[in-house]
Amino acid sequence: MSRAEIIANDWSLTPGRYVGVAPEAVDEEFDFEESLRAIHVELLELNLEASDLADRIARNFEELGV
């Protein structure tokens, strides 16, 4: 690295100024909306399961007299 290059980068010696990052490849076939819908459906199912488990735990505590 030359002094001129350092000066051009405002005297910054951080690696980010000198090392490029390759842009992420774009997948044209990726359907964001469909993926978001699938995640939403999975989240709804997990929330229902969590609610059922919380109810079961509460009943178990009641049976134990806690």
C-alpha atoms as a PDB file:
ATOM      1  CA  MET A   1       0.000   0.000   0.000  1.00  0.00           C
ATOM      2  CA  SER A   2       1.381   3.367  -0.911  1.00  0.00           C
ATOM      3  CA  ARG A   3       1.259   6.597   1.046  1.00  0.00           C
ATOM      4  CA  ALA A   4      -0.856   8.115  -1.745  1.00  0.00           C
ATOM      5  CA  GLU A   5      -3.441   5.335  -1.311  1.00  0.00           C
ATOM      6  CA  ILE A   6      -3.525   5.921   2.441  1.00  0.00           C
ATOM      7  CA  ILE A   7      -3.992   9.657   1.919  1.00  0.00           C
ATOM      8  CA  ALA A   8      -6.773   8.981  -0.620  1.00  0.00           C
ATOM      9  CA  ASN A   9      -8.548   6.947   2.088  1.00  0.00           C
ATOM     10  CA  ASP A  10      -8.396   9.782   4.655  1.00  0.00           C
ATOM     11  CA  TRP A  11      -5.464   8.186   6.451  1.00  0.00           C
ATOM     12  CA  SER A  12      -7.651   5.243   7.401  1.00  0.00           C
ATOM     13  CA  LEU A  13      -5.797   1.979   7.882  1.00  0.00           C
ATOM     14  CA  THR A  14      -8.860  -0.191   8.495  1.00  0.00           C
ATOM     15  CA  PRO A  15      -8.983  -3.252   6.251  1.00  0.00           C
ATOM     16  CA  GLY A  16     -12.489  -2.388   5.019  1.00  0.00           C
ATOM     17  CA  ARG A  17     -11.081   0.513   3.061  1.00  0.00           C
ATOM     18  CA  TYR A  18      -8.793  -1.736   1.062  1.00  0.00           C
ATOM     19  CA  VAL A  19     -10.568  -5.084   0.802  1.00  0.00           C
ATOM     20  CA  GLY A  20     -13.605  -5.293  -1.431  1.00  0.00           C
ATOM     21  CA  VAL A  21     -16.654  -7.386  -0.688  1.00  0.00           C
ATOM     22  CA  ALA A  22     -18.215  -9.345  -3.495  1.00  0.00           C
ATOM     23  CA  PRO A  23     -21.898  -8.552  -3.990  1.00  0.00           C
ATOM     24  CA  GLU A  24     -24.272 -11.317  -2.996  1.00  0.00           C
ATOM     25  CA  ALA A  25     -25.630 -13.316  -5.914  1.00  0.00           C
ATOM     26  CA  VAL A  26     -29.299 -12.623  -6.627  1.00  0.00           C
ATOM     27  CA  ASP A  27     -31.499 -15.672  -7.099  1.00  0.00           C
ATOM     28  CA  GLU A  28     -34.083 -14.616  -9.678  1.00  0.00           C
ATOM     29  CA  GLU A  29     -36.194 -17.717  -8.957  1.00  0.00           C
ATOM     30  CA  PHE A  30     -36.530 -16.942  -5.232  1.00  0.00           C
ATOM     31  CA  ASP A  31     -40.152 -16.101  -4.368  1.00  0.00           C
ATOM     32  CA  PHE A  32     -39.992 -13.764  -1.383  1.00  0.00           C
ATOM     33  CA  GLU A  33     -43.766 -13.614  -0.891  1.00  0.00           C
ATOM     34  CA  GLU A  34     -44.113 -17.396  -0.898  1.00  0.00           C
ATOM     35  CA  SER A  35     -41.224 -17.746   1.525  1.00  0.00           C
ATOM     36  CA  LEU A  36     -42.761 -15.124   3.813  1.00  0.00           C
ATOM     37  CA  ARG A  37     -46.126 -16.929   3.694  1.00  0.00           C
ATOM     38  CA  ALA A  38     -44.479 -20.227   4.623  1.00  0.00           C
ATOM     39  CA  ILE A  39     -42.659 -18.594   7.541  1.00  0.00           C
ATOM     40  CA  HIS A  40     -45.920 -16.997   8.696  1.00  0.00           C
ATOM     41  CA  VAL A  41     -47.775 -20.339   8.593  1.00  0.00           C
ATOM     42  CA  GLU A  42     -44.962 -22.018  10.520  1.00  0.00           C
ATOM     43  CA  LEU A  43     -45.003 -19.226  13.108  1.00  0.00           C
ATOM     44  CA  LEU A  44     -48.766 -19.628  13.591  1.00  0.00           C
ATOM     45  CA  GLU A  45     -48.331 -23.383  14.114  1.00  0.00           C
ATOM     46  CA  LEU A  46     -45.488 -22.848  16.585  1.00  0.00           C
ATOM     47  CA  ASN A  47     -47.525 -20.273  18.512  1.00  0.00           C
ATOM     48  CA  LEU A  48     -50.436 -22.725  18.788  1.00  0.00           C
ATOM     49  CA  GLU A  49     -48.079 -25.449  19.985  1.00  0.00           C
ATOM     50  CA  ALA A  50     -46.542 -23.069  22.530  1.00  0.00           C
ATOM     51  CA  SER A  51     -49.992 -22.147  23.818  1.00  0.00           C
ATOM     52  CA  ASP A  52     -50.954 -25.822  24.168  1.00  0.00           C
ATOM     53  CA  LEU A  53     -47.725 -26.559  26.042  1.00  0.00           C
ATOM     54  CA  ALA A  54     -48.270 -23.597  28.374  1.00  0.00           C
ATOM     55  CA  ASP A  55     -51.782 -24.868  29.155  1.00  0.00           C
ATOM     56  CA  ARG A  56     -50.455 -28.369  29.833  1.00  0.00           C
ATOM     57  CA  ILE A  57     -47.761 -27.013  32.147  1.00  0.00           C
ATOM     58  CA  ALA A  58     -50.333 -24.922  34.026  1.00  0.00           C
ATOM     59  CA  ARG A  59     -52.563 -28.008  34.481  1.00  0.00           C
ATOM     60  CA  ASN A  60     -49.584 -30.031  35.723  1.00  0.00           C
ATOM     61  CA  PHE A  61     -48.778 -27.357  38.291  1.00  0.00           C
ATOM     62  CA  GLU A  62     -52.414 -27.318  39.413  1.00  0.00           C
ATOM     63  CA  GLU A  63     -52.339 -31.106  39.851  1.00  0.00           C
ATOM     64  CA  LEU A  64     -49.175 -30.753  41.937  1.00  0.00           C
ATOM     65  CA  GLY A  65     -50.836 -28.070  44.045  1.00  0.00           C
ATOM     66  CA  VAL A  66     -48.260 -25.455  43.132  1.00  0.00           C
END
